[in-house]
Amino acid sequence: MRHDEGGQLRYARLRIGDGAIELGEGEPMPGSFLLYVGDPDARYEQALAAGATSLMPPTDQPYGRIGGVQDSWGNQWFVSRPATASS
């Protein structure tokens, strides 16, 4: 992780098995992320409580359950649980 002089996080790497996700400052444009989670409703509510703005509340779609928020930097975060064969 790298922080600037003011303590703001500017870069981070998360290792997952043999892979990694790297995140950096979004200039000149915001990013868009899709995260698969076990409970998209809980993650959506957690993001709103942390100050995010709703883009779309979690709803069931043919491909799964999905909701979205926007953070204060303009990044869009979508949380989804894929549909299962029994859904």
N, C-alpha and C. Protein backbone atom coordinates (compact mmCIF):
# COMPACT_ATOMS: atom_id res chain seq x y z
N MET A 1 0.85 -1.17 0.00
CA MET A 1 0.00 0.00 0.00
C MET A 1 0.89 1.23 0.00
N ARG A 2 0.39 2.24 -0.67
CA ARG A 2 1.09 3.53 -0.68
C ARG A 2 0.14 4.63 -0.26
N HIS A 3 0.61 5.49 0.59
CA HIS A 3 -0.17 6.64 1.07
C HIS A 3 0.55 7.92 0.66
N ASP A 4 -0.22 9.00 0.49
CA ASP A 4 0.42 10.29 0.22
C ASP A 4 0.78 10.95 1.55
N GLU A 5 1.30 12.15 1.49
CA GLU A 5 1.73 12.86 2.69
C GLU A 5 0.59 13.14 3.66
N GLY A 6 -0.63 13.24 3.16
CA GLY A 6 -1.80 13.48 4.00
C GLY A 6 -2.42 12.22 4.57
N GLY A 7 -1.84 11.06 4.26
CA GLY A 7 -2.37 9.80 4.77
C GLY A 7 -3.41 9.14 3.88
N GLN A 8 -3.73 9.74 2.72
CA GLN A 8 -4.70 9.16 1.80
C GLN A 8 -4.10 7.93 1.11
N LEU A 9 -4.88 6.87 1.02
CA LEU A 9 -4.44 5.67 0.32
C LEU A 9 -4.44 5.95 -1.18
N ARG A 10 -3.32 5.73 -1.86
CA ARG A 10 -3.20 5.99 -3.29
C ARG A 10 -3.02 4.73 -4.12
N TYR A 11 -2.61 3.63 -3.49
CA TYR A 11 -2.38 2.38 -4.22
C TYR A 11 -2.46 1.23 -3.24
N ALA A 12 -3.05 0.12 -3.68
CA ALA A 12 -3.10 -1.09 -2.85
C ALA A 12 -3.13 -2.31 -3.76
N ARG A 13 -2.59 -3.41 -3.26
CA ARG A 13 -2.63 -4.69 -3.97
C ARG A 13 -3.17 -5.74 -3.01
N LEU A 14 -4.15 -6.50 -3.47
CA LEU A 14 -4.75 -7.58 -2.70
C LEU A 14 -4.45 -8.88 -3.42
N ARG A 15 -3.72 -9.76 -2.77
CA ARG A 15 -3.41 -11.06 -3.36
C ARG A 15 -4.51 -12.06 -3.03
N ILE A 16 -4.93 -12.79 -4.05
CA ILE A 16 -5.94 -13.84 -3.90
C ILE A 16 -5.39 -15.07 -4.59
N GLY A 17 -4.92 -16.02 -3.82
CA GLY A 17 -4.29 -17.20 -4.41
C GLY A 17 -3.10 -16.79 -5.25
N ASP A 18 -3.09 -17.22 -6.52
CA ASP A 18 -2.01 -16.86 -7.43
C ASP A 18 -2.26 -15.55 -8.16
N GLY A 19 -3.40 -14.91 -7.89
CA GLY A 19 -3.74 -13.67 -8.58
C GLY A 19 -3.69 -12.48 -7.65
N ALA A 20 -3.94 -11.32 -8.20
CA ALA A 20 -3.95 -10.09 -7.41
C ALA A 20 -4.88 -9.08 -8.05
N ILE A 21 -5.45 -8.24 -7.22
CA ILE A 21 -6.21 -7.09 -7.67
C ILE A 21 -5.42 -5.87 -7.22
N GLU A 22 -5.15 -4.98 -8.16
CA GLU A 22 -4.44 -3.75 -7.82
C GLU A 22 -5.37 -2.58 -8.04
N LEU A 23 -5.40 -1.69 -7.07
CA LEU A 23 -6.23 -0.51 -7.14
C LEU A 23 -5.36 0.72 -6.97
N GLY A 24 -5.59 1.71 -7.80
CA GLY A 24 -4.85 2.95 -7.70
C GLY A 24 -5.78 4.13 -7.82
N GLU A 25 -5.25 5.29 -7.59
CA GLU A 25 -6.03 6.51 -7.68
C GLU A 25 -6.68 6.58 -9.06
N GLY A 26 -7.95 6.99 -9.11
CA GLY A 26 -8.74 6.92 -10.33
C GLY A 26 -8.62 8.07 -11.29
N GLU A 27 -7.65 8.92 -11.14
CA GLU A 27 -7.54 10.04 -12.07
C GLU A 27 -7.00 9.57 -13.40
N PRO A 28 -7.44 10.03 -14.52
CA PRO A 28 -8.34 11.17 -14.67
C PRO A 28 -9.81 10.81 -14.62
N MET A 29 -10.15 9.55 -14.49
CA MET A 29 -11.57 9.20 -14.47
C MET A 29 -11.85 8.18 -13.37
N PRO A 30 -13.08 8.16 -12.85
CA PRO A 30 -13.46 7.16 -11.85
C PRO A 30 -13.49 5.76 -12.45
N GLY A 31 -13.52 4.78 -11.59
CA GLY A 31 -13.59 3.40 -12.03
C GLY A 31 -14.95 2.79 -11.76
N SER A 32 -15.13 1.60 -12.26
CA SER A 32 -16.35 0.83 -12.04
C SER A 32 -15.94 -0.58 -11.68
N PHE A 33 -16.52 -1.12 -10.62
CA PHE A 33 -16.13 -2.43 -10.11
C PHE A 33 -17.36 -3.29 -9.90
N LEU A 34 -17.23 -4.57 -10.18
CA LEU A 34 -18.27 -5.55 -9.89
C LEU A 34 -17.67 -6.56 -8.93
N LEU A 35 -18.27 -6.69 -7.76
CA LEU A 35 -17.80 -7.63 -6.75
C LEU A 35 -18.85 -8.69 -6.52
N TYR A 36 -18.46 -9.94 -6.56
CA TYR A 36 -19.36 -11.04 -6.21
C TYR A 36 -19.26 -11.27 -4.71
N VAL A 37 -20.39 -11.21 -4.04
CA VAL A 37 -20.44 -11.32 -2.58
C VAL A 37 -21.55 -12.29 -2.19
N GLY A 38 -21.48 -12.78 -0.97
CA GLY A 38 -22.50 -13.71 -0.48
C GLY A 38 -23.84 -13.04 -0.20
N ASP A 39 -23.81 -11.78 0.24
CA ASP A 39 -25.03 -11.06 0.60
C ASP A 39 -24.98 -9.63 0.04
N PRO A 40 -25.42 -9.45 -1.22
CA PRO A 40 -25.36 -8.11 -1.81
C PRO A 40 -26.19 -7.07 -1.05
N ASP A 41 -27.29 -7.48 -0.43
CA ASP A 41 -28.11 -6.53 0.32
C ASP A 41 -27.34 -5.95 1.50
N ALA A 42 -26.65 -6.80 2.24
CA ALA A 42 -25.88 -6.34 3.39
C ALA A 42 -24.72 -5.44 2.96
N ARG A 43 -24.02 -5.79 1.89
CA ARG A 43 -22.90 -4.97 1.42
C ARG A 43 -23.40 -3.62 0.89
N TYR A 44 -24.54 -3.61 0.22
CA TYR A 44 -25.15 -2.37 -0.27
C TYR A 44 -25.48 -1.45 0.90
N GLU A 45 -26.13 -1.99 1.93
CA GLU A 45 -26.48 -1.19 3.11
C GLU A 45 -25.23 -0.70 3.84
N GLN A 46 -24.21 -1.53 3.90
CA GLN A 46 -22.96 -1.15 4.54
C GLN A 46 -22.32 0.03 3.79
N ALA A 47 -22.35 -0.01 2.47
CA ALA A 47 -21.79 1.08 1.67
C ALA A 47 -22.57 2.37 1.88
N LEU A 48 -23.90 2.29 1.92
CA LEU A 48 -24.71 3.49 2.17
C LEU A 48 -24.39 4.08 3.54
N ALA A 49 -24.26 3.22 4.55
CA ALA A 49 -23.94 3.68 5.90
C ALA A 49 -22.58 4.36 5.96
N ALA A 50 -21.68 3.97 5.06
CA ALA A 50 -20.33 4.55 5.01
C ALA A 50 -20.30 5.83 4.17
N GLY A 51 -21.44 6.24 3.61
CA GLY A 51 -21.49 7.50 2.88
C GLY A 51 -21.65 7.39 1.37
N ALA A 52 -21.77 6.19 0.83
CA ALA A 52 -21.97 6.03 -0.61
C ALA A 52 -23.37 6.49 -1.01
N THR A 53 -23.53 6.78 -2.30
CA THR A 53 -24.82 7.18 -2.87
C THR A 53 -25.38 6.01 -3.67
N SER A 54 -26.66 5.77 -3.54
CA SER A 54 -27.28 4.65 -4.25
C SER A 54 -27.34 4.92 -5.76
N LEU A 55 -26.94 3.92 -6.53
CA LEU A 55 -27.16 3.91 -7.97
C LEU A 55 -28.36 3.05 -8.30
N MET A 56 -28.48 1.93 -7.59
CA MET A 56 -29.62 1.03 -7.75
C MET A 56 -29.67 0.09 -6.55
N PRO A 57 -30.82 0.00 -5.88
CA PRO A 57 -30.93 -0.93 -4.77
C PRO A 57 -30.85 -2.37 -5.29
N PRO A 58 -30.43 -3.30 -4.44
CA PRO A 58 -30.34 -4.69 -4.89
C PRO A 58 -31.69 -5.22 -5.39
N THR A 59 -31.65 -5.82 -6.55
CA THR A 59 -32.85 -6.41 -7.15
C THR A 59 -32.46 -7.74 -7.79
N ASP A 60 -33.44 -8.60 -7.91
CA ASP A 60 -33.23 -9.88 -8.58
C ASP A 60 -33.32 -9.67 -10.09
N GLN A 61 -32.34 -10.18 -10.79
CA GLN A 61 -32.29 -10.14 -12.24
C GLN A 61 -32.13 -11.57 -12.74
N PRO A 62 -32.34 -11.84 -14.02
CA PRO A 62 -32.18 -13.21 -14.52
C PRO A 62 -30.77 -13.77 -14.28
N TYR A 63 -29.78 -12.90 -14.21
CA TYR A 63 -28.39 -13.32 -14.04
C TYR A 63 -27.95 -13.32 -12.58
N GLY A 64 -28.82 -12.90 -11.64
CA GLY A 64 -28.49 -12.89 -10.22
C GLY A 64 -29.06 -11.68 -9.52
N ARG A 65 -28.65 -11.47 -8.29
CA ARG A 65 -29.09 -10.31 -7.51
C ARG A 65 -27.96 -9.28 -7.56
N ILE A 66 -28.30 -8.01 -7.84
CA ILE A 66 -27.28 -6.99 -8.00
C ILE A 66 -27.78 -5.63 -7.50
N GLY A 67 -26.87 -4.87 -6.89
CA GLY A 67 -27.15 -3.50 -6.47
C GLY A 67 -25.89 -2.68 -6.71
N GLY A 68 -26.04 -1.35 -6.69
CA GLY A 68 -24.89 -0.51 -6.97
C GLY A 68 -24.89 0.79 -6.20
N VAL A 69 -23.68 1.26 -5.90
CA VAL A 69 -23.49 2.53 -5.21
C VAL A 69 -22.36 3.31 -5.89
N GLN A 70 -22.28 4.58 -5.56
CA GLN A 70 -21.18 5.43 -6.03
C GLN A 70 -20.50 6.03 -4.82
N ASP A 71 -19.16 5.96 -4.79
CA ASP A 71 -18.43 6.53 -3.66
C ASP A 71 -18.18 8.02 -3.89
N SER A 72 -17.59 8.67 -2.91
CA SER A 72 -17.41 10.12 -2.97
C SER A 72 -16.43 10.57 -4.04
N TRP A 73 -15.66 9.66 -4.63
CA TRP A 73 -14.74 9.99 -5.71
C TRP A 73 -15.35 9.72 -7.08
N GLY A 74 -16.61 9.23 -7.10
CA GLY A 74 -17.28 8.96 -8.37
C GLY A 74 -17.14 7.54 -8.86
N ASN A 75 -16.41 6.69 -8.11
CA ASN A 75 -16.29 5.28 -8.51
C ASN A 75 -17.62 4.58 -8.30
N GLN A 76 -17.96 3.70 -9.22
CA GLN A 76 -19.20 2.93 -9.11
C GLN A 76 -18.85 1.51 -8.67
N TRP A 77 -19.56 1.05 -7.65
CA TRP A 77 -19.35 -0.28 -7.09
C TRP A 77 -20.66 -1.07 -7.19
N PHE A 78 -20.60 -2.20 -7.85
CA PHE A 78 -21.77 -3.08 -7.97
C PHE A 78 -21.48 -4.35 -7.19
N VAL A 79 -22.44 -4.76 -6.37
CA VAL A 79 -22.31 -5.98 -5.59
C VAL A 79 -23.35 -6.97 -6.10
N SER A 80 -22.92 -8.19 -6.34
CA SER A 80 -23.79 -9.16 -6.99
C SER A 80 -23.60 -10.55 -6.40
N ARG A 81 -24.67 -11.28 -6.42
CA ARG A 81 -24.64 -12.72 -6.13
C ARG A 81 -25.19 -13.38 -7.38
N PRO A 82 -24.37 -14.16 -8.09
CA PRO A 82 -24.84 -14.78 -9.32
C PRO A 82 -26.04 -15.69 -9.07
N ALA A 83 -26.86 -15.81 -10.09
CA ALA A 83 -28.00 -16.74 -10.03
C ALA A 83 -27.48 -18.17 -9.94
N THR A 84 -28.22 -18.99 -9.26
CA THR A 84 -27.88 -20.41 -9.19
C THR A 84 -28.89 -21.19 -10.02
N ALA A 85 -28.58 -22.42 -10.28
CA ALA A 85 -29.47 -23.26 -11.10
C ALA A 85 -30.85 -23.38 -10.48
N SER A 86 -30.94 -23.28 -9.14
CA SER A 86 -32.24 -23.42 -8.47
C SER A 86 -32.97 -22.10 -8.33
N SER A 87 -32.33 -20.95 -8.73
CA SER A 87 -32.98 -19.63 -8.60
C SER A 87 -34.00 -19.41 -9.69
